Amino acid sequence: MAKKKRFVVDDSGEKYPFSKGVLVRSLIKTGLSVEDAYKVADSVASKFKGTISINELVELVYSVLKRKFGKKVANKYKLLVRERQVLVCEECGKTFVPFSRGILAGSIMSAGVDVNEAFKIAKEVHDTLKKRGKYKVTRSELRSITAELLKKKLGEEFSKRYLLWRKAKKLEKPIIILIGGATGVGKSKLASELSGVLEINRTASTDSIREVMRKMVSKDLVPSIHVSSYEAGEFLPQLPKTKKEERIIYGFLDQSEKVLTGVNAIINRAIKENVSLIVEGIHLIPGFAEKFKDKAHIVHIILSTLDEEIHKGRFKSREKSSQRTSKKYLKNFKAIRKIQEFLYEKAKEKNIPVVENIDFDETRNRVLNVVTERLLEEIEV
C-alpha cells in the first residue's frame, strides 16, 4: 500500500510536502532532546492526512507539546514559529533546510566580497525574503535574489562572479587551482582558506606527496627526495664543480621532477572523476600543468613574500602551531630565497600571476580575484 503524502499550505497559498525533519529542528530549539522531538513529530504526523494549513499545523503541534511537556514548552514553540524560519529547498521541493546566513555569506565571499560586506548582504537577502513573504525558497530563487542584490550594492561584476561559482559545481571540466611558491610564504594557509570559501573539498600538498615517495623509494636509490627542497642540490654527484647557487636550483628541479609525477597522477584522477582540486606546494614549477588545459580549468598562482624580514618572521611564528622549528629554515634562508627568485622569474616567463603575501586577508581576496577572472575568461555565466 502506497504511503499517503502529507502537505502544508502556507499563508501565500504555496503548497509543499510536510517534513518531519524540519519540524524536529524547530522542536529542538524549544529545548527538547532529539529523541523527544522525533516522538512529537511522529505524533503530529499521525494526527492528519492529506493537506493542512500552516496555522492548523502550528495549533496541532502546540496541542501535542502542551499535553506531553506542558504549556511553557508549547508557548516557546509558538514564539519561535512567529519568527517564521525561512527554508531553502532543492528544485524538487521535497528536501528543506533552514536558511543560513553563514553559508550564504561564504558563497558571496567566493565572488571576492569582503567578509563583513558578505554577511550584510546575506542578512539583506534574508530580510528581502521575509518582506516578500517567501518562507519557502528554491536554491535557484535564492541565487537569483542574491545576484540581484550584489548587482545593486556592488555592481554587475560581483554579481557575475557570484553566479560563476554557483555554476562551477556543474561544469563539464573540473577546476584545478595550483598554489606554488617558496617555503614559508603561506601556501598551506591560503589553500585551506580557498577550500572553505570555494567549497572545493579535495586538496593536496606536494610535501605530503614527497613524504609518501620517501616511504616507497630508498634514500640510496633517490637521495634528493629524502631532504628538503633547498638541500637537494647537495645530493647530485653529477655536479661536482657547479657553483652553490646553481646547485640549489638544480637540486630543487631534480626533486620537483620526481614529486610532479605524483602531482600529475592526482590531477589526472581529479579530471577522470570531474572533481575540482586545490594543490599547493613548492614543487609546482610554472608551466608544468599546461598539458592539462584542454581537460580542466587550470589556474596556477605563485605566492611570494619579497620582504625578507616578513618572510623570516613567518618561520618564527610557525613554531607556535607546529613541531617545525625556525632554526633550520633560517640557516638555509638564502637557499630558500634563491628558489623564490627562480619561481618568480619562471612565473613571469610563463605569464603566471605572482601574488605578494603581506596581509593575509588582502592576499586571499586578490587570489580569489585572479582565480575568478581566469575562469570568467573560460566559462560563460
Protein backbone atom coordinates (compact mmCIF):
# COMPACT_ATOMS: atom_id res chain seq x y z
CA MET A 1 0.00 0.00 0.00
CA ALA A 2 1.44 3.39 -1.03
CA LYS A 3 2.33 5.76 1.78
CA LYS A 4 -0.11 8.68 1.98
CA LYS A 5 1.62 12.00 1.39
CA ARG A 6 1.04 14.99 3.66
CA PHE A 7 1.21 18.61 2.51
CA VAL A 8 1.26 22.02 4.18
CA VAL A 9 -0.16 25.22 2.66
CA ASP A 10 1.45 28.47 3.87
CA ASP A 11 -0.08 31.95 4.11
CA SER A 12 0.79 32.77 0.50
CA GLY A 13 -1.10 29.66 -0.70
CA GLU A 14 2.07 27.77 -1.62
CA LYS A 15 1.80 24.02 -1.07
CA TYR A 16 4.82 21.94 -0.03
CA PRO A 17 5.45 18.46 1.43
CA PHE A 18 5.27 18.12 5.22
CA SER A 19 8.77 17.44 6.58
CA LYS A 20 9.26 15.75 9.92
CA GLY A 21 12.95 16.69 9.78
CA VAL A 22 12.16 20.42 9.59
CA LEU A 23 9.66 20.11 12.46
CA VAL A 24 12.21 18.21 14.55
CA ARG A 25 14.77 21.02 14.10
CA SER A 26 12.18 23.56 15.29
CA LEU A 27 11.26 21.41 18.30
CA ILE A 28 14.90 21.01 19.33
CA LYS A 29 15.12 24.81 19.55
CA THR A 30 12.43 24.72 22.26
CA GLY A 31 14.79 22.63 24.40
CA LEU A 32 13.54 19.12 23.57
CA SER A 33 16.01 16.28 23.12
CA VAL A 34 16.37 14.80 19.64
CA GLU A 35 14.53 11.67 20.79
CA ASP A 36 11.61 13.64 22.24
CA ALA A 37 11.47 15.92 19.18
CA TYR A 38 11.11 12.90 16.88
CA LYS A 39 8.38 11.42 19.08
CA VAL A 40 6.40 14.68 18.90
CA ALA A 41 6.90 14.90 15.11
CA ASP A 42 5.66 11.30 14.73
CA SER A 43 2.63 12.06 16.89
CA VAL A 44 1.80 15.18 14.86
CA ALA A 45 2.17 13.29 11.55
CA SER A 46 -0.20 10.57 12.76
CA LYS A 47 -2.95 13.11 13.50
CA PHE A 48 -3.51 14.42 9.97
CA LYS A 49 -3.64 13.20 6.38
CA GLY A 50 -3.67 14.98 3.08
CA THR A 51 -3.31 18.77 3.27
CA ILE A 52 -3.19 21.07 6.30
CA SER A 53 -2.72 24.83 6.59
CA ILE A 54 0.36 26.23 8.32
CA ASN A 55 -1.83 27.70 11.10
CA GLU A 56 -3.59 24.36 11.64
CA LEU A 57 -0.22 22.61 11.81
CA VAL A 58 1.07 25.08 14.42
CA GLU A 59 -2.04 24.54 16.58
CA LEU A 60 -1.68 20.77 16.23
CA VAL A 61 1.97 20.86 17.31
CA TYR A 62 1.05 23.23 20.16
CA SER A 63 -1.61 20.84 21.49
CA VAL A 64 0.75 17.83 21.35
CA LEU A 65 3.51 19.76 23.14
CA LYS A 66 1.13 21.10 25.78
CA ARG A 67 -0.17 17.61 26.55
CA LYS A 68 3.28 15.97 26.64
CA PHE A 69 5.56 18.69 28.07
CA GLY A 70 3.37 21.46 29.44
CA LYS A 71 2.23 24.93 28.46
CA LYS A 72 5.66 26.58 28.88
CA VAL A 73 7.30 24.44 26.16
CA ALA A 74 4.23 24.76 23.92
CA ASN A 75 4.28 28.58 24.21
CA LYS A 76 8.01 28.63 23.46
CA TYR A 77 7.31 26.75 20.23
CA LYS A 78 4.61 29.26 19.23
CA LEU A 79 7.04 32.11 19.90
CA LEU A 80 9.62 30.51 17.61
CA VAL A 81 7.02 29.95 14.90
CA ARG A 82 6.02 33.62 14.94
CA GLU A 83 9.60 34.44 13.91
CA ARG A 84 8.98 32.21 10.86
CA GLN A 85 12.07 30.40 9.71
CA VAL A 86 13.00 30.73 6.04
CA LEU A 87 13.56 27.30 4.48
CA VAL A 88 15.63 26.50 1.40
CA CYS A 89 14.76 23.55 -0.81
CA GLU A 90 16.06 21.78 -3.87
CA GLU A 91 14.21 22.32 -7.14
CA CYS A 92 12.09 19.23 -6.48
CA GLY A 93 10.66 20.89 -3.36
CA LYS A 94 10.99 17.76 -1.21
CA THR A 95 14.07 18.41 0.94
CA PHE A 96 14.16 21.55 3.10
CA VAL A 97 16.99 23.03 5.17
CA PRO A 98 16.92 26.21 7.29
CA PHE A 99 18.29 29.33 5.60
CA SER A 100 21.84 30.01 6.85
CA ARG A 101 23.34 33.48 6.67
CA GLY A 102 26.78 32.00 7.32
CA ILE A 103 26.57 29.59 4.38
CA LEU A 104 25.24 32.28 2.05
CA ALA A 105 27.92 34.75 3.21
CA GLY A 106 30.57 32.14 2.41
CA SER A 107 29.15 31.77 -1.10
CA ILE A 108 29.14 35.55 -1.54
CA MET A 109 32.78 35.72 -0.39
CA SER A 110 33.71 33.45 -3.31
CA ALA A 111 32.94 36.45 -5.53
CA GLY A 112 35.73 38.37 -3.80
CA VAL A 113 33.44 40.25 -1.42
CA ASP A 114 34.82 41.31 1.98
CA VAL A 115 33.61 39.09 4.86
CA ASN A 116 31.73 41.90 6.65
CA GLU A 117 30.03 43.04 3.46
CA ALA A 118 29.18 39.42 2.61
CA PHE A 119 27.34 38.97 5.92
CA LYS A 120 25.49 42.28 5.46
CA ILE A 121 24.27 41.18 2.02
CA ALA A 122 23.31 37.73 3.37
CA LYS A 123 21.21 39.44 6.06
CA GLU A 124 19.59 41.68 3.45
CA VAL A 125 18.74 38.61 1.34
CA HIS A 126 17.07 37.07 4.41
CA ASP A 127 15.16 40.29 5.14
CA THR A 128 14.07 40.55 1.48
CA LEU A 129 12.65 37.03 1.54
CA LYS A 130 10.66 37.80 4.69
CA LYS A 131 9.32 41.08 3.27
CA ARG A 132 8.13 39.21 0.19
CA GLY A 133 6.50 36.56 2.40
CA LYS A 134 8.78 33.96 0.81
CA TYR A 135 9.36 31.45 3.62
CA LYS A 136 10.00 28.57 1.19
CA VAL A 137 12.60 29.32 -1.47
CA THR A 138 14.38 27.12 -4.01
CA ARG A 139 18.15 27.33 -4.37
CA SER A 140 17.81 28.86 -7.83
CA GLU A 141 15.47 31.55 -6.46
CA LEU A 142 17.92 32.24 -3.64
CA ARG A 143 20.78 32.59 -6.14
CA SER A 144 18.72 34.95 -8.26
CA ILE A 145 17.83 37.23 -5.33
CA THR A 146 21.44 37.23 -4.09
CA ALA A 147 22.80 38.09 -7.54
CA GLU A 148 20.21 40.86 -7.83
CA LEU A 149 21.31 42.41 -4.52
CA LEU A 150 25.01 42.04 -5.36
CA LYS A 151 24.45 43.87 -8.63
CA LYS A 152 22.55 46.64 -6.83
CA LYS A 153 25.08 47.00 -3.99
CA LEU A 154 28.45 46.29 -5.61
CA GLY A 155 27.90 46.22 -9.36
CA GLU A 156 27.40 43.71 -12.14
CA GLU A 157 30.94 42.32 -11.94
CA PHE A 158 30.41 40.92 -8.42
CA SER A 159 27.04 39.53 -9.44
CA LYS A 160 28.67 37.68 -12.35
CA ARG A 161 31.40 36.34 -10.10
CA TYR A 162 28.89 35.01 -7.59
CA LEU A 163 26.89 33.27 -10.33
CA LEU A 164 30.12 31.83 -11.75
CA TRP A 165 30.93 30.00 -8.51
CA ARG A 166 27.37 28.73 -8.16
CA LYS A 167 27.67 27.37 -11.71
CA ALA A 168 31.13 25.93 -11.01
CA LYS A 169 29.65 22.88 -9.28
CA LYS A 170 28.09 21.68 -12.52
CA LEU A 171 30.89 22.27 -15.02
CA GLU A 172 31.87 19.70 -17.62
CA LYS A 173 35.52 20.08 -16.60
CA PRO A 174 36.95 20.37 -13.06
CA ILE A 175 38.69 23.44 -11.66
CA ILE A 176 42.31 22.78 -10.69
CA ILE A 177 43.87 25.54 -8.57
CA LEU A 178 47.66 25.33 -8.16
CA ILE A 179 49.37 27.42 -5.47
CA GLY A 180 53.13 27.44 -5.83
CA GLY A 181 55.82 29.42 -4.03
CA ALA A 182 58.91 29.06 -1.87
CA THR A 183 58.99 27.62 1.65
CA GLY A 184 57.28 29.82 4.24
CA VAL A 185 55.23 32.15 2.03
CA GLY A 186 51.81 30.94 3.27
CA LYS A 187 50.73 28.38 0.65
CA SER A 188 49.11 25.89 3.06
CA LYS A 189 47.06 28.53 4.87
CA LEU A 190 45.85 30.02 1.59
CA ALA A 191 44.90 26.59 0.18
CA SER A 192 42.90 25.82 3.34
CA GLU A 193 41.09 29.16 3.14
CA LEU A 194 40.25 28.79 -0.55
CA SER A 195 38.99 25.25 0.04
CA GLY A 196 36.42 26.59 2.50
CA VAL A 197 35.36 29.69 0.57
CA LEU A 198 35.14 27.98 -2.83
CA GLU A 199 33.72 24.71 -1.44
CA ILE A 200 36.46 22.66 -3.10
CA ASN A 201 36.84 19.74 -0.72
CA ARG A 202 39.69 17.89 -2.40
CA THR A 203 43.13 19.31 -1.62
CA ALA A 204 46.70 18.02 -1.87
CA SER A 205 50.16 19.11 -0.78
CA THR A 206 53.36 18.35 -2.66
CA ASP A 207 55.11 17.92 0.71
CA SER A 208 52.69 15.08 1.51
CA ILE A 209 53.30 13.51 -1.89
CA ARG A 210 57.06 13.70 -1.28
CA GLU A 211 56.59 12.10 2.14
CA VAL A 212 54.76 9.15 0.58
CA MET A 213 57.51 8.78 -2.02
CA ARG A 214 60.12 8.69 0.75
CA LYS A 215 58.38 5.65 2.22
CA MET A 216 58.34 3.91 -1.15
CA VAL A 217 61.79 4.78 -2.52
CA SER A 218 65.02 4.25 -0.56
CA LYS A 219 67.44 7.06 0.20
CA ASP A 220 70.23 5.16 -1.57
CA LEU A 221 68.22 4.98 -4.79
CA VAL A 222 66.88 8.57 -4.91
CA PRO A 223 68.61 10.66 -2.22
CA SER A 224 67.27 14.04 -3.40
CA ILE A 225 63.67 13.39 -2.24
CA HIS A 226 64.80 12.48 1.28
CA VAL A 227 65.92 16.03 2.08
CA SER A 228 64.35 19.48 1.96
CA SER A 229 63.95 21.14 -1.44
CA TYR A 230 66.67 23.70 -0.66
CA GLU A 231 69.16 20.92 0.29
CA ALA A 232 68.59 18.58 -2.67
CA GLY A 233 71.48 20.05 -4.69
CA GLU A 234 73.99 18.60 -2.23
CA PHE A 235 72.92 15.10 -3.31
CA LEU A 236 73.62 15.43 -7.03
CA PRO A 237 77.02 13.77 -7.54
CA GLN A 238 76.97 14.55 -11.26
CA LEU A 239 77.51 18.26 -10.48
CA PRO A 240 80.78 18.30 -8.51
CA LYS A 241 82.13 21.64 -9.81
CA THR A 242 78.87 23.56 -10.11
CA LYS A 243 78.52 26.81 -8.16
CA LYS A 244 76.49 26.59 -4.93
CA GLU A 245 73.66 28.82 -6.18
CA GLU A 246 73.29 26.74 -9.33
CA ARG A 247 73.35 23.51 -7.34
CA ILE A 248 70.45 24.78 -5.21
CA ILE A 249 68.28 25.26 -8.31
CA TYR A 250 69.41 22.04 -10.00
CA GLY A 251 68.65 20.08 -6.83
CA PHE A 252 65.29 21.75 -6.42
CA LEU A 253 64.36 20.96 -10.03
CA ASP A 254 65.55 17.36 -9.67
CA GLN A 255 63.35 16.85 -6.60
CA SER A 256 60.42 18.67 -8.22
CA GLU A 257 60.59 16.48 -11.32
CA LYS A 258 60.12 13.39 -9.16
CA VAL A 259 57.37 14.87 -6.96
CA LEU A 260 55.48 16.15 -10.00
CA THR A 261 55.00 12.53 -11.08
CA GLY A 262 52.68 12.17 -8.10
CA VAL A 263 51.05 15.58 -8.70
CA ASN A 264 50.29 14.63 -12.30
CA ALA A 265 48.64 11.41 -11.11
CA ILE A 266 46.42 13.30 -8.64
CA ILE A 267 45.38 15.83 -11.30
CA ASN A 268 44.62 13.05 -13.79
CA ARG A 269 42.45 11.34 -11.18
CA ALA A 270 40.55 14.59 -10.49
CA ILE A 271 39.97 15.07 -14.23
CA LYS A 272 38.77 11.49 -14.62
CA GLU A 273 36.29 11.93 -11.74
CA ASN A 274 35.43 15.53 -12.72
CA VAL A 275 36.20 16.73 -9.19
CA SER A 276 37.72 20.15 -8.54
CA LEU A 277 41.05 20.20 -6.72
CA ILE A 278 43.46 22.55 -4.94
CA VAL A 279 47.15 21.62 -4.90
CA GLU A 280 49.76 23.63 -3.02
CA GLY A 281 53.49 23.22 -2.79
CA ILE A 282 56.94 24.44 -3.67
CA HIS A 283 57.33 21.81 -6.42
CA LEU A 284 54.65 23.28 -8.71
CA ILE A 285 57.02 24.62 -11.35
CA PRO A 286 55.35 27.30 -13.54
CA GLY A 287 54.34 25.76 -16.86
CA PHE A 288 54.19 22.11 -15.77
CA ALA A 289 50.37 21.99 -15.96
CA GLU A 290 49.96 23.32 -19.50
CA LYS A 291 49.29 19.77 -20.73
CA PHE A 292 46.04 19.69 -18.72
CA LYS A 293 44.48 22.87 -20.14
CA ASP A 294 42.15 21.07 -22.54
CA LYS A 295 40.89 18.71 -19.83
CA ALA A 296 40.42 21.09 -16.89
CA HIS A 297 40.13 24.75 -15.92
CA ILE A 298 43.71 25.28 -14.71
CA VAL A 299 44.55 28.30 -12.54
CA HIS A 300 48.19 28.47 -11.45
CA ILE A 301 49.35 31.13 -8.96
CA ILE A 302 52.76 31.77 -7.42
CA LEU A 303 52.69 33.16 -3.90
CA SER A 304 55.68 35.24 -2.81
CA THR A 305 57.00 37.31 0.10
CA LEU A 306 59.56 39.75 -1.23
CA ASP A 307 60.19 41.41 2.14
CA GLU A 308 62.94 39.36 3.83
CA GLU A 309 62.01 40.32 7.41
CA ILE A 310 58.36 39.36 6.93
CA HIS A 311 59.49 36.08 5.35
CA LYS A 312 61.78 35.29 8.30
CA GLY A 313 59.04 36.23 10.74
CA ARG A 314 56.72 33.59 9.27
CA PHE A 315 59.15 30.80 10.16
CA LYS A 316 59.29 32.05 13.75
CA SER A 317 55.51 32.38 14.12
CA ARG A 318 55.03 28.92 12.58
CA GLU A 319 56.85 27.36 15.57
CA LYS A 320 53.83 28.12 17.78
CA SER A 321 51.44 25.94 15.77
CA SER A 322 53.70 23.08 14.61
CA GLN A 323 56.69 20.96 15.59
CA ARG A 324 58.87 22.62 12.95
CA THR A 325 61.47 24.96 14.48
CA SER A 326 62.65 28.05 12.64
CA LYS A 327 66.37 27.30 13.17
CA LYS A 328 66.83 25.07 10.12
CA TYR A 329 64.85 27.36 7.81
CA LEU A 330 66.71 30.49 8.91
CA LYS A 331 70.03 28.69 8.48
CA ASN A 332 69.07 27.91 4.86
CA PHE A 333 67.26 31.20 4.28
CA LYS A 334 69.48 32.28 1.36
CA ALA A 335 68.75 29.00 -0.46
CA ILE A 336 65.01 29.44 0.14
CA ARG A 337 65.16 32.96 -1.24
CA LYS A 338 67.11 31.71 -4.26
CA ILE A 339 64.30 29.24 -5.04
CA GLN A 340 61.72 32.02 -4.62
CA GLU A 341 63.65 34.16 -7.08
CA PHE A 342 63.73 31.28 -9.57
CA LEU A 343 59.97 30.65 -9.24
CA TYR A 344 59.26 34.37 -9.61
CA GLU A 345 61.25 34.62 -12.84
CA LYS A 346 59.76 31.41 -14.21
CA ALA A 347 56.24 32.65 -13.44
CA LYS A 348 56.86 35.89 -15.33
CA GLU A 349 58.24 33.90 -18.27
CA LYS A 350 55.13 31.68 -18.35
CA ASN A 351 52.69 34.55 -17.72
CA ILE A 352 51.54 33.07 -14.41
CA PRO A 353 50.25 35.56 -11.79
CA VAL A 354 52.51 36.30 -8.82
CA VAL A 355 50.69 37.41 -5.66
CA GLU A 356 52.63 39.12 -2.89
CA ASN A 357 51.53 37.85 0.55
CA ILE A 358 51.84 40.51 3.24
CA ASP A 359 48.34 40.94 4.69
CA PHE A 360 46.57 37.55 4.52
CA ASP A 361 43.01 38.85 4.07
CA GLU A 362 44.14 41.05 1.21
CA THR A 363 46.10 38.15 -0.30
CA ARG A 364 43.07 35.84 -0.13
CA ASN A 365 40.89 38.42 -1.87
CA ARG A 366 43.49 39.07 -4.56
CA VAL A 367 43.86 35.35 -5.25
CA LEU A 368 40.07 34.95 -5.38
CA ASN A 369 40.00 37.75 -7.95
CA VAL A 370 42.76 36.10 -10.01
CA VAL A 371 41.01 32.72 -9.96
CA THR A 372 37.60 34.21 -10.78
CA GLU A 373 38.89 36.41 -13.61
CA ARG A 374 40.65 33.42 -15.18
CA LEU A 375 37.50 31.31 -15.01
CA LEU A 376 35.33 34.11 -16.41
CA GLU A 377 37.54 34.02 -19.49
CA GLU A 378 36.69 30.34 -19.97
CA ILE A 379 33.17 29.96 -18.59
CA GLU A 380 30.06 31.76 -19.78
CA VAL A 381 27.83 33.00 -16.94
